[in-house]
Amino acid sequence: MPNTYPSPVNPLAVIYTAGMVAGTIGQWLNKENMQQLDPEFIKSLMNLAILNVAETISGAGGDDYGRTALLSDSSSSVTSAIGTDAAWNESANTVTKTAHGLTANNAGQLIALWSAAPSAMIAQIVSITDADNFVITPCNTSYTGPYSYAVFTALPGSPLNISGYPILNIIKIVDSINYECIEVGSKNFDNLYRFPEKQNKTYWYKNGQYLYFYIGANVASVGTRTMSYNSYPQRVMNDNDFLDIRDAYVPLVIDFTKSYCIEHLGGQASGDLTASIAAKVAAVRQNILLRQQLVAKQSENNQ
């Protein structure tokens, strides 16, 4: 009894099926190398080749595997309080700031302090003395102020888990009120609070399977966030199922699969096959680039 597998939903191919491609490669192996591989194994290598080509397409800016998802974010901002004109008493480890607004709930959070001296330090809030003073862990600086400071939340308490999305790479994140959220690196993300010109926008960075958002101090509210991303092709194993890759890219998939088969059999792909793969990959990237340039030119003409 033959194995059955889930069929892809709305596959991209309209001509090539798994059986057609695997059969073609099997015949080529038998003719060119006088060797055979199990058809099911050839299909597994074919799926690996499809993934390889799909990554090339997405990496070049193609949208064949583009998807969108609405994000529900509870992380808010990286900083919970920003202050200026604060004084620092090194002997008492105390920060003085009139009406600082901090409470006992802020104890344990990190705080960054910096001045124009320049002098900067990272510490932790120990306790709240009163409405104008709070104690932090010891810091090594002789400069008394004035300081500006930012109190960090627990970075943030609820980062957005995106492990449920099959993400190859994120293209952009757009807020329905504030428009595009700007991607930054982790180091830049941690320092956004220091720049007044960045307080009118929202930012994000990805760390593993989590997204972190920074909401500028001057952003009144946030809307619905939509994430655009590239996903992965669906696995195809049933003979009559169409491949989840456009027919135009199937010759490249076949070349890659041939190469994988030869390597599995202990051989090395011929120079002609290697050159064919390189030429087809370059053509894929060039065609996507030309399309992007055409769209950009049309957009300019319509402005």
C-alpha atoms as a PDB file:
ATOM      1  CA  MET A   1       0.000   0.000   0.000  1.00  0.00           C
ATOM      2  CA  PRO A   2       1.597   3.317  -1.046  1.00  0.00           C
ATOM      3  CA  ASN A   3       2.306   6.010   1.526  1.00  0.00           C
ATOM      4  CA  THR A   4      -0.063   8.972   1.604  1.00  0.00           C
ATOM      5  CA  TYR A   5       0.835  12.461   2.759  1.00  0.00           C
ATOM      6  CA  PRO A   6      -1.059  15.716   3.271  1.00  0.00           C
ATOM      7  CA  SER A   7      -1.495  17.509  -0.032  1.00  0.00           C
ATOM      8  CA  PRO A   8      -0.339  21.138  -0.301  1.00  0.00           C
ATOM      9  CA  VAL A   9      -3.026  23.802  -0.100  1.00  0.00           C
ATOM     10  CA  ASN A  10      -3.102  26.119  -3.130  1.00  0.00           C
ATOM     11  CA  PRO A  11       0.311  25.033  -4.482  1.00  0.00           C
ATOM     12  CA  LEU A  12       2.099  27.419  -6.817  1.00  0.00           C
ATOM     13  CA  ALA A  13       2.754  25.014  -9.711  1.00  0.00           C
ATOM     14  CA  VAL A  14       0.075  24.321 -12.333  1.00  0.00           C
ATOM     15  CA  ILE A  15       2.065  21.923 -14.540  1.00  0.00           C
ATOM     16  CA  TYR A  16       4.646  19.983 -12.539  1.00  0.00           C
ATOM     17  CA  THR A  17       3.702  17.306 -10.019  1.00  0.00           C
ATOM     18  CA  ALA A  18       5.895  15.438  -7.556  1.00  0.00           C
ATOM     19  CA  GLY A  19       5.628  12.239  -9.597  1.00  0.00           C
ATOM     20  CA  MET A  20       6.616  13.970 -12.829  1.00  0.00           C
ATOM     21  CA  VAL A  21       9.746  15.555 -11.342  1.00  0.00           C
ATOM     22  CA  ALA A  22      10.832  12.493  -9.362  1.00  0.00           C
ATOM     23  CA  GLY A  23      10.284  10.283 -12.420  1.00  0.00           C
ATOM     24  CA  THR A  24      12.326  12.595 -14.624  1.00  0.00           C
ATOM     25  CA  ILE A  25      15.228  12.581 -12.182  1.00  0.00           C
ATOM     26  CA  GLY A  26      15.022   8.819 -11.708  1.00  0.00           C
ATOM     27  CA  GLN A  27      15.266   8.260 -15.462  1.00  0.00           C
ATOM     28  CA  TRP A  28      18.192  10.670 -15.696  1.00  0.00           C
ATOM     29  CA  LEU A  29      20.055   8.828 -12.933  1.00  0.00           C
ATOM     30  CA  ASN A  30      19.534   5.485 -14.622  1.00  0.00           C
ATOM     31  CA  LYS A  31      20.655   6.795 -18.019  1.00  0.00           C
ATOM     32  CA  GLU A  32      23.541   9.069 -17.039  1.00  0.00           C
ATOM     33  CA  ASN A  33      24.927   7.223 -14.017  1.00  0.00           C
ATOM     34  CA  MET A  34      23.513   3.715 -14.349  1.00  0.00           C
ATOM     35  CA  GLN A  35      22.238   3.971 -10.763  1.00  0.00           C
ATOM     36  CA  GLN A  36      18.877   4.081  -9.054  1.00  0.00           C
ATOM     37  CA  LEU A  37      17.385   5.633  -5.937  1.00  0.00           C
ATOM     38  CA  ASP A  38      14.064   4.966  -4.263  1.00  0.00           C
ATOM     39  CA  PRO A  39      11.439   7.374  -5.723  1.00  0.00           C
ATOM     40  CA  GLU A  40      10.329   8.379  -2.219  1.00  0.00           C
ATOM     41  CA  PHE A  41      13.886   9.338  -1.364  1.00  0.00           C
ATOM     42  CA  ILE A  42      14.183  11.328  -4.587  1.00  0.00           C
ATOM     43  CA  LYS A  43      11.058  13.248  -3.563  1.00  0.00           C
ATOM     44  CA  SER A  44      12.635  14.035  -0.193  1.00  0.00           C
ATOM     45  CA  LEU A  45      15.683  15.473  -1.954  1.00  0.00           C
ATOM     46  CA  MET A  46      13.342  17.317  -4.313  1.00  0.00           C
ATOM     47  CA  ASN A  47      11.660  18.991  -1.335  1.00  0.00           C
ATOM     48  CA  LEU A  48      15.076  20.016  -0.050  1.00  0.00           C
ATOM     49  CA  ALA A  49      15.790  21.528  -3.468  1.00  0.00           C
ATOM     50  CA  ILE A  50      12.454  23.369  -3.452  1.00  0.00           C
ATOM     51  CA  LEU A  51      13.322  24.833  -0.057  1.00  0.00           C
ATOM     52  CA  ASN A  52      16.714  25.936  -1.378  1.00  0.00           C
ATOM     53  CA  VAL A  53      15.159  27.685  -4.379  1.00  0.00           C
ATOM     54  CA  ALA A  54      12.428  29.232  -2.222  1.00  0.00           C
ATOM     55  CA  GLU A  55      15.075  30.742   0.064  1.00  0.00           C
ATOM     56  CA  THR A  56      16.813  32.183  -2.999  1.00  0.00           C
ATOM     57  CA  ILE A  57      13.542  33.702  -4.189  1.00  0.00           C
ATOM     58  CA  SER A  58      12.670  35.220  -0.805  1.00  0.00           C
ATOM     59  CA  GLY A  59      16.240  36.393  -0.224  1.00  0.00           C
ATOM     60  CA  ALA A  60      16.201  38.221  -3.543  1.00  0.00           C
ATOM     61  CA  GLY A  61      12.979  40.029  -2.594  1.00  0.00           C
ATOM     62  CA  GLY A  62      10.438  37.785  -4.306  1.00  0.00           C
ATOM     63  CA  ASP A  63       7.007  37.466  -2.728  1.00  0.00           C
ATOM     64  CA  ASP A  64       6.040  33.962  -3.833  1.00  0.00           C
ATOM     65  CA  TYR A  65       5.805  32.812  -0.226  1.00  0.00           C
ATOM     66  CA  GLY A  66       4.599  36.093   1.241  1.00  0.00           C
ATOM     67  CA  ARG A  67       2.078  36.019   4.065  1.00  0.00           C
ATOM     68  CA  THR A  68       0.594  38.475   6.547  1.00  0.00           C
ATOM     69  CA  ALA A  69      -0.467  38.163  10.162  1.00  0.00           C
ATOM     70  CA  LEU A  70      -2.128  40.494  12.657  1.00  0.00           C
ATOM     71  CA  LEU A  71      -0.044  40.933  15.793  1.00  0.00           C
ATOM     72  CA  SER A  72      -1.440  41.313  19.277  1.00  0.00           C
ATOM     73  CA  ASP A  73       1.262  42.972  21.350  1.00  0.00           C
ATOM     74  CA  SER A  74       1.155  43.440  25.108  1.00  0.00           C
ATOM     75  CA  SER A  75       4.765  44.455  25.542  1.00  0.00           C
ATOM     76  CA  SER A  76       4.249  48.215  25.256  1.00  0.00           C
ATOM     77  CA  SER A  77       7.538  50.071  25.515  1.00  0.00           C
ATOM     78  CA  VAL A  78      11.043  49.308  26.683  1.00  0.00           C
ATOM     79  CA  THR A  79      11.173  52.287  29.021  1.00  0.00           C
ATOM     80  CA  SER A  80       8.583  52.958  31.684  1.00  0.00           C
ATOM     81  CA  ALA A  81       9.874  56.335  32.903  1.00  0.00           C
ATOM     82  CA  ILE A  82      12.204  58.992  31.509  1.00  0.00           C
ATOM     83  CA  GLY A  83      13.537  61.866  33.618  1.00  0.00           C
ATOM     84  CA  THR A  84      15.833  64.865  33.189  1.00  0.00           C
ATOM     85  CA  ASP A  85      17.694  67.241  35.553  1.00  0.00           C
ATOM     86  CA  ALA A  86      18.227  64.582  38.197  1.00  0.00           C
ATOM     87  CA  ALA A  87      21.002  64.792  40.783  1.00  0.00           C
ATOM     88  CA  TRP A  88      23.178  61.882  41.890  1.00  0.00           C
ATOM     89  CA  ASN A  89      24.561  61.368  45.406  1.00  0.00           C
ATOM     90  CA  GLU A  90      27.303  58.760  45.146  1.00  0.00           C
ATOM     91  CA  SER A  91      27.832  58.241  48.866  1.00  0.00           C
ATOM     92  CA  ALA A  92      24.138  57.531  49.481  1.00  0.00           C
ATOM     93  CA  ASN A  93      23.495  55.853  46.083  1.00  0.00           C
ATOM     94  CA  THR A  94      20.524  58.180  45.738  1.00  0.00           C
ATOM     95  CA  VAL A  95      18.955  59.827  42.700  1.00  0.00           C
ATOM     96  CA  THR A  96      17.066  63.048  43.380  1.00  0.00           C
ATOM     97  CA  LYS A  97      14.361  64.094  40.934  1.00  0.00           C
ATOM     98  CA  THR A  98      11.384  66.243  41.884  1.00  0.00           C
ATOM     99  CA  ALA A  99       8.135  64.273  41.546  1.00  0.00           C
ATOM    100  CA  HIS A 100       9.846  61.313  39.873  1.00  0.00           C
ATOM    101  CA  GLY A 101       6.589  59.348  39.839  1.00  0.00           C
ATOM    102  CA  LEU A 102       8.185  56.010  40.685  1.00  0.00           C
ATOM    103  CA  THR A 103       6.627  53.579  43.135  1.00  0.00           C
ATOM    104  CA  ALA A 104       7.681  50.471  45.060  1.00  0.00           C
ATOM    105  CA  ASN A 105       6.701  48.461  41.967  1.00  0.00           C
ATOM    106  CA  ASN A 106       9.751  49.879  40.174  1.00  0.00           C
ATOM    107  CA  ALA A 107      12.178  48.294  42.651  1.00  0.00           C
ATOM    108  CA  GLY A 108      14.346  45.731  40.901  1.00  0.00           C
ATOM    109  CA  GLN A 109      14.163  47.385  37.492  1.00  0.00           C
ATOM    110  CA  LEU A 110      17.227  48.545  35.605  1.00  0.00           C
ATOM    111  CA  ILE A 111      17.936  52.241  35.187  1.00  0.00           C
ATOM    112  CA  ALA A 112      20.292  53.993  32.776  1.00  0.00           C
ATOM    113  CA  LEU A 113      21.717  57.396  33.758  1.00  0.00           C
ATOM    114  CA  TRP A 114      23.764  59.698  31.539  1.00  0.00           C
ATOM    115  CA  SER A 115      25.027  63.249  31.574  1.00  0.00           C
ATOM    116  CA  ALA A 116      26.691  65.757  29.311  1.00  0.00           C
ATOM    117  CA  ALA A 117      30.038  65.371  31.128  1.00  0.00           C
ATOM    118  CA  PRO A 118      30.012  62.734  29.557  1.00  0.00           C
ATOM    119  CA  SER A 119      29.235  60.172  32.207  1.00  0.00           C
ATOM    120  CA  ALA A 120      26.938  57.173  31.950  1.00  0.00           C
ATOM    121  CA  MET A 121      26.040  54.198  34.109  1.00  0.00           C
ATOM    122  CA  ILE A 122      23.630  51.301  34.400  1.00  0.00           C
ATOM    123  CA  ALA A 123      22.208  50.369  37.811  1.00  0.00           C
ATOM    124  CA  GLN A 124      19.216  48.780  39.469  1.00  0.00           C
ATOM    125  CA  ILE A 125      16.547  50.495  41.543  1.00  0.00           C
ATOM    126  CA  VAL A 126      16.766  49.303  45.156  1.00  0.00           C
ATOM    127  CA  SER A 127      13.975  51.251  46.827  1.00  0.00           C
ATOM    128  CA  ILE A 128      11.856  54.401  46.670  1.00  0.00           C
ATOM    129  CA  THR A 129      12.717  56.818  49.487  1.00  0.00           C
ATOM    130  CA  ASP A 130      10.024  59.428  48.856  1.00  0.00           C
ATOM    131  CA  ALA A 131       8.373  61.380  46.028  1.00  0.00           C
ATOM    132  CA  ASP A 132      11.659  63.089  45.116  1.00  0.00           C
ATOM    133  CA  ASN A 133      14.330  60.472  45.892  1.00  0.00           C
ATOM    134  CA  PHE A 134      15.077  56.838  45.178  1.00  0.00           C
ATOM    135  CA  VAL A 135      18.004  54.510  45.870  1.00  0.00           C
ATOM    136  CA  ILE A 136      19.928  52.557  43.239  1.00  0.00           C
ATOM    137  CA  THR A 137      22.782  50.075  43.382  1.00  0.00           C
ATOM    138  CA  PRO A 138      26.308  51.559  43.727  1.00  0.00           C
ATOM    139  CA  CYS A 139      27.812  53.219  40.652  1.00  0.00           C
ATOM    140  CA  ASN A 140      31.383  54.344  40.088  1.00  0.00           C
ATOM    141  CA  THR A 141      31.248  57.978  38.995  1.00  0.00           C
ATOM    142  CA  SER A 142      32.343  61.245  40.531  1.00  0.00           C
ATOM    143  CA  TYR A 143      30.023  63.443  38.466  1.00  0.00           C
ATOM    144  CA  THR A 144      26.997  64.674  40.417  1.00  0.00           C
ATOM    145  CA  GLY A 145      24.739  65.839  37.618  1.00  0.00           C
ATOM    146  CA  PRO A 146      22.493  66.918  36.231  1.00  0.00           C
ATOM    147  CA  TYR A 147      21.585  63.498  34.858  1.00  0.00           C
ATOM    148  CA  SER A 148      18.948  62.221  32.527  1.00  0.00           C
ATOM    149  CA  TYR A 149      17.676  58.722  33.167  1.00  0.00           C
ATOM    150  CA  ALA A 150      15.424  56.003  31.806  1.00  0.00           C
ATOM    151  CA  VAL A 151      13.871  53.204  33.847  1.00  0.00           C
ATOM    152  CA  PHE A 152      13.575  49.937  31.981  1.00  0.00           C
ATOM    153  CA  THR A 153      10.638  47.609  32.252  1.00  0.00           C
ATOM    154  CA  ALA A 154      11.400  43.917  32.551  1.00  0.00           C
ATOM    155  CA  LEU A 155      12.377  44.062  28.863  1.00  0.00           C
ATOM    156  CA  PRO A 156       9.332  44.000  28.339  1.00  0.00           C
ATOM    157  CA  GLY A 157       7.257  41.854  30.651  1.00  0.00           C
ATOM    158  CA  SER A 158       5.377  40.230  27.753  1.00  0.00           C
ATOM    159  CA  PRO A 159       7.401  40.070  24.531  1.00  0.00           C
ATOM    160  CA  LEU A 160       5.488  38.901  21.488  1.00  0.00           C
ATOM    161  CA  ASN A 161       5.968  35.195  20.809  1.00  0.00           C
ATOM    162  CA  ILE A 162       6.038  34.496  17.056  1.00  0.00           C
ATOM    163  CA  SER A 163       7.010  30.815  17.243  1.00  0.00           C
ATOM    164  CA  GLY A 164       3.577  29.893  15.884  1.00  0.00           C
ATOM    165  CA  TYR A 165       4.280  31.553  12.527  1.00  0.00           C
ATOM    166  CA  PRO A 166       6.306  29.678   9.852  1.00  0.00           C
ATOM    167  CA  ILE A 167       8.635  32.643   9.265  1.00  0.00           C
ATOM    168  CA  LEU A 168      11.562  32.535   6.876  1.00  0.00           C
ATOM    169  CA  ASN A 169      12.154  36.274   7.208  1.00  0.00           C
ATOM    170  CA  ILE A 170      10.113  39.323   8.222  1.00  0.00           C
ATOM    171  CA  ILE A 171       9.613  41.908   5.483  1.00  0.00           C
ATOM    172  CA  LYS A 172       7.948  44.688   7.470  1.00  0.00           C
ATOM    173  CA  ILE A 173       5.586  45.493  10.327  1.00  0.00           C
ATOM    174  CA  VAL A 174       2.997  48.244   9.874  1.00  0.00           C
ATOM    175  CA  ASP A 175       0.911  49.983  12.535  1.00  0.00           C
ATOM    176  CA  SER A 176      -2.547  51.137  11.375  1.00  0.00           C
ATOM    177  CA  ILE A 177      -2.079  54.478  13.178  1.00  0.00           C
ATOM    178  CA  ASN A 178       1.672  55.111  13.105  1.00  0.00           C
ATOM    179  CA  TYR A 179       2.401  53.374   9.795  1.00  0.00           C
ATOM    180  CA  GLU A 180       5.646  51.460   9.362  1.00  0.00           C
ATOM    181  CA  CYS A 181       7.407  50.238  12.488  1.00  0.00           C
ATOM    182  CA  ILE A 182      11.146  50.599  12.035  1.00  0.00           C
ATOM    183  CA  GLU A 183      13.415  47.577  12.469  1.00  0.00           C
ATOM    184  CA  VAL A 184      16.588  48.153  14.493  1.00  0.00           C
ATOM    185  CA  GLY A 185      19.335  46.032  16.009  1.00  0.00           C
ATOM    186  CA  SER A 186      19.288  45.077  19.676  1.00  0.00           C
ATOM    187  CA  LYS A 187      21.954  47.625  20.678  1.00  0.00           C
ATOM    188  CA  ASN A 188      20.174  50.485  18.897  1.00  0.00           C
ATOM    189  CA  PHE A 189      16.875  49.300  20.351  1.00  0.00           C
ATOM    190  CA  ASP A 190      18.220  49.603  23.908  1.00  0.00           C
ATOM    191  CA  ASN A 191      19.291  53.212  23.288  1.00  0.00           C
ATOM    192  CA  LEU A 192      16.234  54.602  21.486  1.00  0.00           C
ATOM    193  CA  TYR A 193      15.040  56.436  24.600  1.00  0.00           C
ATOM    194  CA  ARG A 194      18.128  58.672  24.431  1.00  0.00           C
ATOM    195  CA  PHE A 195      17.185  60.397  21.159  1.00  0.00           C
ATOM    196  CA  PRO A 196      14.345  62.969  21.167  1.00  0.00           C
ATOM    197  CA  GLU A 197      14.011  62.758  17.376  1.00  0.00           C
ATOM    198  CA  LYS A 198      13.046  59.089  17.665  1.00  0.00           C
ATOM    199  CA  GLN A 199      10.144  59.564  20.053  1.00  0.00           C
ATOM    200  CA  ASN A 200       7.515  60.080  17.336  1.00  0.00           C
ATOM    201  CA  LYS A 201       7.842  56.578  15.881  1.00  0.00           C
ATOM    202  CA  THR A 202       7.645  52.924  16.852  1.00  0.00           C
ATOM    203  CA  TYR A 203      10.466  50.397  16.513  1.00  0.00           C
ATOM    204  CA  TRP A 204      10.971  46.650  16.734  1.00  0.00           C
ATOM    205  CA  TYR A 205      13.673  44.032  16.843  1.00  0.00           C
ATOM    206  CA  LYS A 206      13.593  40.261  16.703  1.00  0.00           C
ATOM    207  CA  ASN A 207      15.406  38.041  19.175  1.00  0.00           C
ATOM    208  CA  GLY A 208      14.952  34.338  18.487  1.00  0.00           C
ATOM    209  CA  GLN A 209      11.224  33.595  18.522  1.00  0.00           C
ATOM    210  CA  TYR A 210      10.240  36.909  20.118  1.00  0.00           C
ATOM    211  CA  LEU A 211       9.514  40.430  18.903  1.00  0.00           C
ATOM    212  CA  TYR A 212      10.152  43.476  21.087  1.00  0.00           C
ATOM    213  CA  PHE A 213       8.555  46.853  20.426  1.00  0.00           C
ATOM    214  CA  TYR A 214       9.572  50.332  21.491  1.00  0.00           C
ATOM    215  CA  ILE A 215       6.881  53.013  21.446  1.00  0.00           C
ATOM    216  CA  GLY A 216       8.281  56.520  21.280  1.00  0.00           C
ATOM    217  CA  ALA A 217       7.423  58.799  24.200  1.00  0.00           C
ATOM    218  CA  ASN A 218       5.453  61.130  21.875  1.00  0.00           C
ATOM    219  CA  VAL A 219       3.362  58.376  20.293  1.00  0.00           C
ATOM    220  CA  ALA A 220      -0.159  58.905  21.618  1.00  0.00           C
ATOM    221  CA  SER A 221      -1.508  55.440  20.811  1.00  0.00           C
ATOM    222  CA  VAL A 222      -0.869  52.368  18.743  1.00  0.00           C
ATOM    223  CA  GLY A 223      -3.172  50.620  16.324  1.00  0.00           C
ATOM    224  CA  THR A 224      -3.423  47.199  14.753  1.00  0.00           C
ATOM    225  CA  ARG A 225      -0.052  45.838  13.696  1.00  0.00           C
ATOM    226  CA  THR A 226       0.278  43.762  10.555  1.00  0.00           C
ATOM    227  CA  MET A 227       3.389  41.679   9.973  1.00  0.00           C
ATOM    228  CA  SER A 228       4.369  40.815   6.404  1.00  0.00           C
ATOM    229  CA  TYR A 229       6.741  37.891   6.133  1.00  0.00           C
ATOM    230  CA  ASN A 230       8.029  35.178   3.837  1.00  0.00           C
ATOM    231  CA  SER A 231       7.091  31.630   4.742  1.00  0.00           C
ATOM    232  CA  TYR A 232       8.311  28.220   3.557  1.00  0.00           C
ATOM    233  CA  PRO A 233       7.050  26.081   0.671  1.00  0.00           C
ATOM    234  CA  GLN A 234       4.769  23.191   1.545  1.00  0.00           C
ATOM    235  CA  ARG A 235       6.211  19.678   1.435  1.00  0.00           C
ATOM    236  CA  VAL A 236       4.968  17.572  -1.495  1.00  0.00           C
ATOM    237  CA  MET A 237       5.252  13.764  -1.646  1.00  0.00           C
ATOM    238  CA  ASN A 238       2.139  12.389  -3.394  1.00  0.00           C
ATOM    239  CA  ASP A 239       2.748  11.699  -7.084  1.00  0.00           C
ATOM    240  CA  ASN A 240      -0.292  13.619  -8.323  1.00  0.00           C
ATOM    241  CA  ASP A 241       0.185  16.698  -6.116  1.00  0.00           C
ATOM    242  CA  PHE A 242       1.452  19.862  -7.740  1.00  0.00           C
ATOM    243  CA  LEU A 243       4.678  21.340  -6.396  1.00  0.00           C
ATOM    244  CA  ASP A 244       4.536  24.381  -4.148  1.00  0.00           C
ATOM    245  CA  ILE A 245       6.841  26.367  -6.396  1.00  0.00           C
ATOM    246  CA  ARG A 246       6.162  28.166  -9.658  1.00  0.00           C
ATOM    247  CA  ASP A 247       6.648  26.113 -12.798  1.00  0.00           C
ATOM    248  CA  ALA A 248       9.280  28.549 -14.070  1.00  0.00           C
ATOM    249  CA  TYR A 249      11.583  27.537 -11.206  1.00  0.00           C
ATOM    250  CA  VAL A 250      11.178  23.775 -11.577  1.00  0.00           C
ATOM    251  CA  PRO A 251      14.202  23.362 -13.923  1.00  0.00           C
ATOM    252  CA  LEU A 252      16.368  24.802 -11.141  1.00  0.00           C
ATOM    253  CA  VAL A 253      14.705  22.464  -8.628  1.00  0.00           C
ATOM    254  CA  ILE A 254      15.515  19.527 -10.927  1.00  0.00           C
ATOM    255  CA  ASP A 255      19.161  20.592 -11.238  1.00  0.00           C
ATOM    256  CA  PHE A 256      19.543  20.919  -7.469  1.00  0.00           C
ATOM    257  CA  THR A 257      17.874  17.522  -6.916  1.00  0.00           C
ATOM    258  CA  LYS A 258      20.180  15.889  -9.442  1.00  0.00           C
ATOM    259  CA  SER A 259      23.154  17.343  -7.593  1.00  0.00           C
ATOM    260  CA  TYR A 260      21.861  16.055  -4.236  1.00  0.00           C
ATOM    261  CA  CYS A 261      21.295  12.590  -5.723  1.00  0.00           C
ATOM    262  CA  ILE A 262      24.830  12.422  -7.088  1.00  0.00           C
ATOM    263  CA  GLU A 263      26.283  13.540  -3.757  1.00  0.00           C
ATOM    264  CA  HIS A 264      24.217  10.907  -1.941  1.00  0.00           C
ATOM    265  CA  LEU A 265      25.617   8.250  -4.256  1.00  0.00           C
ATOM    266  CA  GLY A 266      29.136   9.357  -3.415  1.00  0.00           C
ATOM    267  CA  GLY A 267      29.833  11.260  -6.600  1.00  0.00           C
ATOM    268  CA  GLN A 268      30.347  14.888  -7.537  1.00  0.00           C
ATOM    269  CA  ALA A 269      28.162  17.018  -9.781  1.00  0.00           C
ATOM    270  CA  SER A 270      29.616  17.634 -13.216  1.00  0.00           C
ATOM    271  CA  GLY A 271      30.900  21.025 -14.252  1.00  0.00           C
ATOM    272  CA  ASP A 272      27.975  21.385 -16.655  1.00  0.00           C
ATOM    273  CA  LEU A 273      25.419  20.725 -13.906  1.00  0.00           C
ATOM    274  CA  THR A 274      27.169  23.099 -11.492  1.00  0.00           C
ATOM    275  CA  ALA A 275      27.304  25.811 -14.168  1.00  0.00           C
ATOM    276  CA  SER A 276      23.627  25.264 -15.001  1.00  0.00           C
ATOM    277  CA  ILE A 277      22.660  25.732 -11.340  1.00  0.00           C
ATOM    278  CA  ALA A 278      24.745  28.907 -11.009  1.00  0.00           C
ATOM    279  CA  ALA A 279      23.263  30.376 -14.204  1.00  0.00           C
ATOM    280  CA  LYS A 280      19.682  29.607 -13.168  1.00  0.00           C
ATOM    281  CA  VAL A 281      20.180  31.052  -9.678  1.00  0.00           C
ATOM    282  CA  ALA A 282      21.623  34.242 -11.184  1.00  0.00           C
ATOM    283  CA  ALA A 283      18.663  34.451 -13.574  1.00  0.00           C
ATOM    284  CA  VAL A 284      16.182  34.107 -10.700  1.00  0.00           C
ATOM    285  CA  ARG A 285      17.811  36.958  -8.793  1.00  0.00           C
ATOM    286  CA  GLN A 286      18.117  39.132 -11.895  1.00  0.00           C
ATOM    287  CA  ASN A 287      14.477  38.660 -12.896  1.00  0.00           C
ATOM    288  CA  ILE A 288      13.261  39.576  -9.424  1.00  0.00           C
ATOM    289  CA  LEU A 289      15.537  42.635  -9.379  1.00  0.00           C
ATOM    290  CA  LEU A 290      14.263  43.784 -12.791  1.00  0.00           C
ATOM    291  CA  ARG A 291      10.683  43.422 -11.606  1.00  0.00           C
ATOM    292  CA  GLN A 292      11.413  45.467  -8.485  1.00  0.00           C
ATOM    293  CA  GLN A 293      13.015  48.186 -10.604  1.00  0.00           C
ATOM    294  CA  LEU A 294      10.012  48.210 -12.940  1.00  0.00           C
ATOM    295  CA  VAL A 295       7.571  48.550 -10.047  1.00  0.00           C
ATOM    296  CA  ALA A 296       9.683  51.365  -8.534  1.00  0.00           C
ATOM    297  CA  LYS A 297       9.745  53.199 -11.874  1.00  0.00           C
ATOM    298  CA  GLN A 298       5.991  52.854 -12.321  1.00  0.00           C
ATOM    299  CA  SER A 299       5.470  54.199  -8.802  1.00  0.00           C
ATOM    300  CA  GLU A 300       7.628  57.232  -9.613  1.00  0.00           C
ATOM    301  CA  ASN A 301       5.670  57.870 -12.810  1.00  0.00           C
ATOM    302  CA  ASN A 302       2.370  57.724 -10.947  1.00  0.00           C
ATOM    303  CA  GLN A 303       3.381  60.279  -8.329  1.00  0.00           C
END
